[in-house]
């Protein structure tokens, strides 16, 4: 890898670090009523991803290969410190008749392993939409 590619990957990781900070540090402190799990917390979780990805893909790098390492490092951050059940990561069981879900580190690893491909798919969709928009605007400028 050359220095330019490493710089782009580092910028993408900084974006993912910012998304992580918003999801797991900032919003749980600012909006404690919605955490550890709620529909609103889940919306915040996915909205932070999408906004971060759009920003990164449009202004830093639209190449999926530049997002693989930052995505993996983001998953590692979630596994290391997911707030012991924030957004339901690492919880198994049901909330029924007074029962509460239980946090398990192995299940947290499984949760991260399952969610990373979905994040990658979201990134591919954003890149695809960005490329379509670029082509549309290029055609409009031709005429």
N, C-alpha and C. Protein backbone atom coordinates (compact mmCIF):
# COMPACT_ATOMS: atom_id res chain seq x y z
N UNK A 1 0.83 -1.18 0.00
CA UNK A 1 0.00 0.00 0.00
C UNK A 1 0.88 1.24 0.00
N UNK A 2 0.45 2.22 -0.76
CA UNK A 2 1.21 3.46 -0.78
C UNK A 2 0.70 4.41 0.32
N UNK A 3 1.40 5.53 0.47
CA UNK A 3 1.07 6.47 1.55
C UNK A 3 -0.31 7.11 1.36
N UNK A 4 -0.68 7.35 0.11
CA UNK A 4 -1.97 7.97 -0.15
C UNK A 4 -3.12 7.03 0.27
N UNK A 5 -3.00 5.76 -0.06
CA UNK A 5 -4.01 4.78 0.31
C UNK A 5 -4.10 4.66 1.83
N UNK A 6 -2.95 4.62 2.50
CA UNK A 6 -2.96 4.55 3.97
C UNK A 6 -3.60 5.78 4.58
N UNK A 7 -3.36 6.95 3.98
CA UNK A 7 -3.97 8.18 4.49
C UNK A 7 -5.49 8.14 4.34
N UNK A 8 -5.98 7.62 3.22
CA UNK A 8 -7.42 7.51 2.99
C UNK A 8 -8.03 6.52 3.99
N UNK A 9 -7.37 5.39 4.20
CA UNK A 9 -7.87 4.39 5.16
C UNK A 9 -7.88 4.99 6.56
N UNK A 10 -6.86 5.77 6.91
CA UNK A 10 -6.81 6.42 8.23
C UNK A 10 -7.96 7.41 8.38
N UNK A 11 -8.27 8.17 7.33
CA UNK A 11 -9.39 9.12 7.38
C UNK A 11 -10.71 8.37 7.55
N UNK A 12 -10.86 7.28 6.82
CA UNK A 12 -12.08 6.48 6.95
C UNK A 12 -12.21 5.91 8.35
N UNK A 13 -11.08 5.48 8.94
CA UNK A 13 -11.14 4.97 10.30
C UNK A 13 -11.52 6.07 11.28
N UNK A 14 -11.05 7.29 11.04
CA UNK A 14 -11.42 8.40 11.92
C UNK A 14 -12.93 8.66 11.83
N UNK A 15 -13.50 8.51 10.64
CA UNK A 15 -14.95 8.65 10.49
C UNK A 15 -15.66 7.55 11.27
N UNK A 16 -15.18 6.32 11.15
CA UNK A 16 -15.79 5.21 11.88
C UNK A 16 -15.62 5.38 13.39
N UNK A 17 -14.49 5.92 13.82
CA UNK A 17 -14.26 6.20 15.23
C UNK A 17 -15.25 7.26 15.71
N UNK A 18 -15.52 8.26 14.87
CA UNK A 18 -16.52 9.27 15.21
C UNK A 18 -17.91 8.67 15.32
N UNK A 19 -18.26 7.80 14.38
CA UNK A 19 -19.55 7.13 14.42
C UNK A 19 -19.66 6.31 15.70
N UNK A 20 -18.59 5.58 16.05
CA UNK A 20 -18.58 4.79 17.28
C UNK A 20 -18.78 5.69 18.50
N UNK A 21 -18.08 6.81 18.54
CA UNK A 21 -18.18 7.73 19.68
C UNK A 21 -19.61 8.28 19.81
N UNK A 22 -20.23 8.60 18.69
CA UNK A 22 -21.60 9.10 18.73
C UNK A 22 -22.54 8.01 19.22
N UNK A 23 -22.38 6.79 18.69
CA UNK A 23 -23.29 5.70 19.02
C UNK A 23 -23.12 5.17 20.44
N UNK A 24 -21.89 5.04 20.90
CA UNK A 24 -21.66 4.33 22.16
C UNK A 24 -21.24 5.23 23.32
N UNK A 25 -20.93 6.50 23.05
CA UNK A 25 -20.53 7.39 24.13
C UNK A 25 -21.48 8.59 24.23
N UNK A 26 -21.60 9.35 23.14
CA UNK A 26 -22.34 10.60 23.17
C UNK A 26 -23.84 10.40 23.41
N UNK A 27 -24.51 9.66 22.55
CA UNK A 27 -25.95 9.53 22.67
C UNK A 27 -26.41 8.77 23.92
N UNK A 28 -25.72 7.73 24.37
CA UNK A 28 -26.15 7.13 25.64
C UNK A 28 -26.05 8.11 26.83
N UNK A 29 -25.13 9.07 26.76
CA UNK A 29 -25.03 10.07 27.82
C UNK A 29 -26.12 11.14 27.66
N UNK A 30 -26.31 11.60 26.41
CA UNK A 30 -27.28 12.66 26.16
C UNK A 30 -28.74 12.21 26.25
N UNK A 31 -29.00 10.97 25.86
CA UNK A 31 -30.37 10.44 25.83
C UNK A 31 -30.49 9.15 26.63
N UNK A 32 -30.26 9.19 27.94
CA UNK A 32 -30.22 7.95 28.72
C UNK A 32 -31.56 7.21 28.79
N UNK A 33 -32.67 7.91 28.53
CA UNK A 33 -33.98 7.24 28.58
C UNK A 33 -34.16 6.20 27.48
N UNK A 34 -33.44 6.35 26.38
CA UNK A 34 -33.59 5.43 25.25
C UNK A 34 -32.66 4.23 25.32
N UNK A 35 -31.75 4.22 26.25
CA UNK A 35 -30.73 3.17 26.30
C UNK A 35 -30.92 2.29 27.51
N UNK A 36 -30.54 1.02 27.48
CA UNK A 36 -29.68 0.38 26.51
C UNK A 36 -30.37 -0.07 25.23
N UNK A 37 -31.71 -0.29 25.26
CA UNK A 37 -32.37 -0.74 24.04
C UNK A 37 -33.71 -0.04 23.91
N UNK A 38 -33.98 0.40 22.70
CA UNK A 38 -35.30 0.92 22.35
C UNK A 38 -35.33 1.10 20.84
N UNK A 39 -36.53 1.34 20.33
CA UNK A 39 -36.65 1.58 18.89
C UNK A 39 -35.92 2.86 18.49
N UNK A 40 -36.00 3.88 19.36
CA UNK A 40 -35.33 5.15 19.07
C UNK A 40 -33.82 4.98 19.08
N UNK A 41 -33.31 4.17 19.99
CA UNK A 41 -31.86 3.91 20.04
C UNK A 41 -31.42 3.18 18.77
N UNK A 42 -32.22 2.24 18.30
CA UNK A 42 -31.88 1.53 17.07
C UNK A 42 -31.88 2.48 15.88
N UNK A 43 -32.84 3.41 15.85
CA UNK A 43 -32.86 4.41 14.78
C UNK A 43 -31.59 5.26 14.82
N UNK A 44 -31.19 5.68 16.01
CA UNK A 44 -29.97 6.48 16.17
C UNK A 44 -28.76 5.68 15.70
N UNK A 45 -28.72 4.40 16.04
CA UNK A 45 -27.62 3.52 15.66
C UNK A 45 -27.46 3.49 14.14
N UNK A 46 -28.55 3.24 13.42
CA UNK A 46 -28.47 3.13 11.96
C UNK A 46 -28.33 4.49 11.29
N UNK A 47 -28.96 5.52 11.84
CA UNK A 47 -28.83 6.86 11.26
C UNK A 47 -27.39 7.34 11.34
N UNK A 48 -26.71 7.07 12.45
CA UNK A 48 -25.31 7.48 12.61
C UNK A 48 -24.44 6.79 11.56
N UNK A 49 -24.71 5.49 11.30
CA UNK A 49 -23.98 4.79 10.25
C UNK A 49 -24.17 5.45 8.90
N UNK A 50 -25.41 5.63 8.54
CA UNK A 50 -25.72 6.12 7.21
C UNK A 50 -25.14 7.52 7.00
N UNK A 51 -25.29 8.39 7.98
CA UNK A 51 -24.74 9.74 7.86
C UNK A 51 -23.21 9.68 7.77
N UNK A 52 -22.59 8.87 8.62
CA UNK A 52 -21.14 8.73 8.58
C UNK A 52 -20.65 8.16 7.26
N UNK A 53 -21.35 7.15 6.74
CA UNK A 53 -20.96 6.54 5.47
C UNK A 53 -21.14 7.51 4.31
N UNK A 54 -22.25 8.21 4.29
CA UNK A 54 -22.48 9.18 3.22
C UNK A 54 -21.38 10.24 3.23
N UNK A 55 -21.09 10.76 4.41
CA UNK A 55 -20.03 11.77 4.53
C UNK A 55 -18.70 11.21 4.04
N UNK A 56 -18.32 10.04 4.53
CA UNK A 56 -17.04 9.44 4.17
C UNK A 56 -16.94 9.07 2.70
N UNK A 57 -18.00 8.50 2.16
CA UNK A 57 -17.97 8.05 0.77
C UNK A 57 -17.99 9.24 -0.18
N UNK A 58 -18.71 10.28 0.16
CA UNK A 58 -18.78 11.45 -0.73
C UNK A 58 -17.56 12.36 -0.62
N UNK A 59 -16.98 12.47 0.57
CA UNK A 59 -15.91 13.46 0.76
C UNK A 59 -14.52 12.87 0.97
N UNK A 60 -14.41 11.58 1.29
CA UNK A 60 -13.09 10.99 1.51
C UNK A 60 -12.77 9.96 0.44
N UNK A 61 -13.54 8.87 0.39
CA UNK A 61 -13.26 7.83 -0.58
C UNK A 61 -14.53 7.06 -0.92
N UNK A 62 -14.80 6.93 -2.21
CA UNK A 62 -15.93 6.16 -2.68
C UNK A 62 -15.56 4.74 -3.08
N UNK A 63 -14.36 4.32 -2.71
CA UNK A 63 -13.92 2.97 -3.05
C UNK A 63 -14.13 2.05 -1.85
N UNK A 64 -14.83 0.97 -2.11
CA UNK A 64 -15.16 0.02 -1.04
C UNK A 64 -13.89 -0.55 -0.41
N UNK A 65 -12.85 -0.77 -1.19
CA UNK A 65 -11.62 -1.37 -0.63
C UNK A 65 -11.01 -0.49 0.46
N UNK A 66 -11.27 0.81 0.43
CA UNK A 66 -10.74 1.70 1.46
C UNK A 66 -11.54 1.64 2.76
N UNK A 67 -12.66 0.93 2.74
CA UNK A 67 -13.51 0.83 3.93
C UNK A 67 -13.37 -0.52 4.64
N UNK A 68 -12.71 -1.49 4.05
CA UNK A 68 -12.64 -2.83 4.66
C UNK A 68 -11.92 -2.81 6.01
N UNK A 69 -10.75 -2.22 6.07
CA UNK A 69 -9.99 -2.18 7.33
C UNK A 69 -10.71 -1.34 8.38
N UNK A 70 -11.19 -0.12 8.05
CA UNK A 70 -11.94 0.64 9.06
C UNK A 70 -13.18 -0.09 9.57
N UNK A 71 -13.88 -0.80 8.69
CA UNK A 71 -15.05 -1.57 9.13
C UNK A 71 -14.65 -2.65 10.12
N UNK A 72 -13.58 -3.36 9.82
CA UNK A 72 -13.11 -4.40 10.72
C UNK A 72 -12.70 -3.81 12.07
N UNK A 73 -11.99 -2.69 12.04
CA UNK A 73 -11.57 -2.04 13.30
C UNK A 73 -12.77 -1.53 14.08
N UNK A 74 -13.80 -1.04 13.39
CA UNK A 74 -15.03 -0.63 14.04
C UNK A 74 -15.69 -1.83 14.74
N UNK A 75 -15.75 -2.96 14.05
CA UNK A 75 -16.30 -4.17 14.66
C UNK A 75 -15.51 -4.59 15.88
N UNK A 76 -14.19 -4.45 15.81
CA UNK A 76 -13.34 -4.78 16.96
C UNK A 76 -13.64 -3.84 18.12
N UNK A 77 -13.84 -2.56 17.85
CA UNK A 77 -14.21 -1.60 18.90
C UNK A 77 -15.52 -1.99 19.56
N UNK A 78 -16.49 -2.37 18.76
CA UNK A 78 -17.79 -2.77 19.31
C UNK A 78 -17.64 -4.01 20.18
N UNK A 79 -16.85 -4.97 19.72
CA UNK A 79 -16.66 -6.18 20.50
C UNK A 79 -15.97 -5.88 21.83
N UNK A 80 -14.95 -5.03 21.79
CA UNK A 80 -14.20 -4.71 23.00
C UNK A 80 -15.08 -3.93 23.98
N UNK A 81 -15.82 -2.96 23.48
CA UNK A 81 -16.61 -2.12 24.38
C UNK A 81 -17.94 -1.77 23.75
N UNK A 82 -18.92 -2.64 23.92
CA UNK A 82 -20.24 -2.39 23.35
C UNK A 82 -21.23 -1.92 24.40
N UNK A 83 -20.75 -1.49 25.54
CA UNK A 83 -21.65 -0.99 26.57
C UNK A 83 -22.47 -2.07 27.23
N UNK A 84 -21.98 -3.30 27.18
CA UNK A 84 -22.67 -4.45 27.80
C UNK A 84 -24.16 -4.49 27.47
N UNK A 85 -24.44 -4.47 26.18
CA UNK A 85 -25.82 -4.66 25.76
C UNK A 85 -26.45 -3.46 25.08
N UNK A 86 -25.70 -2.39 24.85
CA UNK A 86 -26.27 -1.27 24.10
C UNK A 86 -26.72 -1.76 22.74
N UNK A 87 -27.87 -1.33 22.32
CA UNK A 87 -28.47 -1.70 21.04
C UNK A 87 -28.73 -3.21 20.94
N UNK A 88 -28.69 -3.91 22.04
CA UNK A 88 -28.93 -5.34 22.04
C UNK A 88 -27.73 -6.18 21.64
N UNK A 89 -26.57 -5.56 21.48
CA UNK A 89 -25.37 -6.30 21.08
C UNK A 89 -24.91 -7.18 22.24
N UNK A 90 -24.82 -8.46 21.98
CA UNK A 90 -24.36 -9.41 22.98
C UNK A 90 -25.43 -9.91 23.93
N UNK A 91 -26.67 -9.53 23.71
CA UNK A 91 -27.76 -9.98 24.59
C UNK A 91 -28.48 -11.17 23.97
N UNK A 92 -28.82 -12.11 24.80
CA UNK A 92 -29.66 -13.21 24.34
C UNK A 92 -30.73 -13.46 25.39
N UNK A 93 -31.82 -13.99 24.95
CA UNK A 93 -32.96 -14.20 25.84
C UNK A 93 -34.07 -13.22 25.47
N UNK A 94 -35.18 -13.32 26.19
CA UNK A 94 -36.34 -12.48 25.90
C UNK A 94 -36.75 -11.70 27.13
N UNK A 95 -37.45 -10.61 26.89
CA UNK A 95 -38.04 -9.84 27.98
C UNK A 95 -39.50 -10.26 28.06
N UNK A 96 -39.77 -11.20 28.93
CA UNK A 96 -41.11 -11.74 29.02
C UNK A 96 -41.33 -12.23 30.45
N UNK A 97 -42.45 -11.89 31.03
CA UNK A 97 -42.79 -12.34 32.39
C UNK A 97 -41.69 -12.04 33.39
N UNK A 98 -41.12 -10.84 33.31
CA UNK A 98 -40.10 -10.44 34.28
C UNK A 98 -38.70 -10.93 33.97
N UNK A 99 -38.53 -11.72 32.92
CA UNK A 99 -37.20 -12.17 32.54
C UNK A 99 -36.47 -11.05 31.82
N UNK A 100 -35.16 -11.02 31.93
CA UNK A 100 -34.34 -10.04 31.26
C UNK A 100 -33.30 -10.75 30.40
N UNK A 101 -32.99 -10.20 29.24
CA UNK A 101 -31.93 -10.79 28.43
C UNK A 101 -30.60 -10.74 29.17
N UNK A 102 -29.72 -11.68 28.85
CA UNK A 102 -28.42 -11.80 29.50
C UNK A 102 -27.32 -11.43 28.52
N UNK A 103 -26.29 -10.73 29.03
CA UNK A 103 -25.16 -10.35 28.19
C UNK A 103 -24.14 -11.48 28.18
N UNK A 104 -23.65 -11.82 26.99
CA UNK A 104 -22.64 -12.85 26.84
C UNK A 104 -21.61 -12.36 25.84
N UNK A 105 -20.33 -12.45 26.20
CA UNK A 105 -19.24 -11.96 25.35
C UNK A 105 -19.19 -12.72 24.02
N UNK A 106 -19.40 -14.02 24.03
CA UNK A 106 -19.39 -14.80 22.81
C UNK A 106 -20.54 -14.38 21.89
N UNK A 107 -21.69 -14.12 22.48
CA UNK A 107 -22.82 -13.67 21.68
C UNK A 107 -22.57 -12.26 21.13
N UNK A 108 -21.80 -11.44 21.85
CA UNK A 108 -21.40 -10.12 21.33
C UNK A 108 -20.55 -10.30 20.08
N UNK A 109 -19.64 -11.27 20.11
CA UNK A 109 -18.81 -11.55 18.94
C UNK A 109 -19.67 -12.00 17.77
N UNK A 110 -20.65 -12.84 18.03
CA UNK A 110 -21.56 -13.31 16.98
C UNK A 110 -22.36 -12.13 16.43
N UNK A 111 -22.84 -11.25 17.33
CA UNK A 111 -23.60 -10.07 16.90
C UNK A 111 -22.78 -9.19 15.97
N UNK A 112 -21.52 -8.97 16.33
CA UNK A 112 -20.63 -8.14 15.51
C UNK A 112 -20.37 -8.83 14.17
N UNK A 113 -20.12 -10.13 14.21
CA UNK A 113 -19.83 -10.87 12.98
C UNK A 113 -21.03 -10.86 12.03
N UNK A 114 -22.22 -10.83 12.58
CA UNK A 114 -23.42 -10.79 11.74
C UNK A 114 -23.66 -9.39 11.21
N UNK A 115 -23.39 -8.36 12.02
CA UNK A 115 -23.71 -7.00 11.59
C UNK A 115 -22.70 -6.39 10.62
N UNK A 116 -21.45 -6.82 10.65
CA UNK A 116 -20.46 -6.24 9.75
C UNK A 116 -20.79 -6.45 8.26
N UNK A 117 -21.23 -7.62 7.84
CA UNK A 117 -21.63 -7.74 6.42
C UNK A 117 -22.79 -6.82 6.04
N UNK A 118 -23.71 -6.57 6.97
CA UNK A 118 -24.80 -5.65 6.68
C UNK A 118 -24.29 -4.22 6.51
N UNK A 119 -23.33 -3.84 7.33
CA UNK A 119 -22.73 -2.52 7.19
C UNK A 119 -22.03 -2.39 5.84
N UNK A 120 -21.36 -3.43 5.45
CA UNK A 120 -20.68 -3.45 4.16
C UNK A 120 -21.68 -3.31 3.01
N UNK A 121 -22.82 -3.98 3.12
CA UNK A 121 -23.87 -3.89 2.11
C UNK A 121 -24.42 -2.46 2.05
N UNK A 122 -24.61 -1.84 3.21
CA UNK A 122 -25.08 -0.45 3.24
C UNK A 122 -24.08 0.45 2.53
N UNK A 123 -22.80 0.23 2.77
CA UNK A 123 -21.77 1.02 2.10
C UNK A 123 -21.82 0.81 0.59
N UNK A 124 -21.99 -0.42 0.15
CA UNK A 124 -22.06 -0.69 -1.29
C UNK A 124 -23.27 0.01 -1.92
N UNK A 125 -24.39 0.02 -1.22
CA UNK A 125 -25.58 0.69 -1.73
C UNK A 125 -25.33 2.20 -1.85
N UNK A 126 -24.69 2.79 -0.84
CA UNK A 126 -24.39 4.22 -0.89
C UNK A 126 -23.44 4.54 -2.04
N UNK A 127 -22.42 3.71 -2.23
CA UNK A 127 -21.49 3.92 -3.35
C UNK A 127 -22.23 3.79 -4.67
N UNK A 128 -23.09 2.81 -4.79
CA UNK A 128 -23.87 2.61 -6.01
C UNK A 128 -24.75 3.83 -6.30
N UNK A 129 -25.46 4.32 -5.27
CA UNK A 129 -26.32 5.50 -5.45
C UNK A 129 -25.50 6.74 -5.79
N UNK A 130 -24.34 6.88 -5.17
CA UNK A 130 -23.46 8.02 -5.48
C UNK A 130 -23.05 7.97 -6.95
N UNK A 131 -22.66 6.79 -7.42
CA UNK A 131 -22.23 6.66 -8.82
C UNK A 131 -23.38 6.93 -9.79
N UNK A 132 -24.58 6.50 -9.44
CA UNK A 132 -25.74 6.80 -10.28
C UNK A 132 -25.99 8.30 -10.34
N UNK A 133 -25.94 8.96 -9.19
CA UNK A 133 -26.16 10.41 -9.16
C UNK A 133 -25.10 11.15 -9.96
N UNK A 134 -23.87 10.71 -9.87
CA UNK A 134 -22.79 11.35 -10.64
C UNK A 134 -23.07 11.21 -12.13
N UNK A 135 -23.47 10.02 -12.56
CA UNK A 135 -23.76 9.81 -13.99
C UNK A 135 -24.95 10.66 -14.45
N UNK A 136 -25.97 10.79 -13.61
CA UNK A 136 -27.13 11.60 -13.96
C UNK A 136 -26.73 13.06 -14.12
N UNK A 137 -25.95 13.58 -13.18
CA UNK A 137 -25.54 14.97 -13.26
C UNK A 137 -24.56 15.22 -14.40
N UNK A 138 -23.74 14.24 -14.74
CA UNK A 138 -22.85 14.39 -15.88
C UNK A 138 -23.64 14.47 -17.18
N UNK A 139 -24.70 13.68 -17.30
CA UNK A 139 -25.54 13.73 -18.49
C UNK A 139 -26.26 15.06 -18.61
N UNK A 140 -26.76 15.58 -17.50
CA UNK A 140 -27.44 16.87 -17.53
C UNK A 140 -26.50 17.97 -17.96
N UNK A 141 -25.25 17.91 -17.53
CA UNK A 141 -24.27 18.93 -17.89
C UNK A 141 -23.84 18.85 -19.34
N UNK A 142 -23.99 17.68 -19.95
CA UNK A 142 -23.63 17.52 -21.37
C UNK A 142 -24.60 18.28 -22.27
N UNK A 143 -25.85 18.29 -21.89
CA UNK A 143 -26.87 18.87 -22.76
C UNK A 143 -27.07 20.29 -22.47
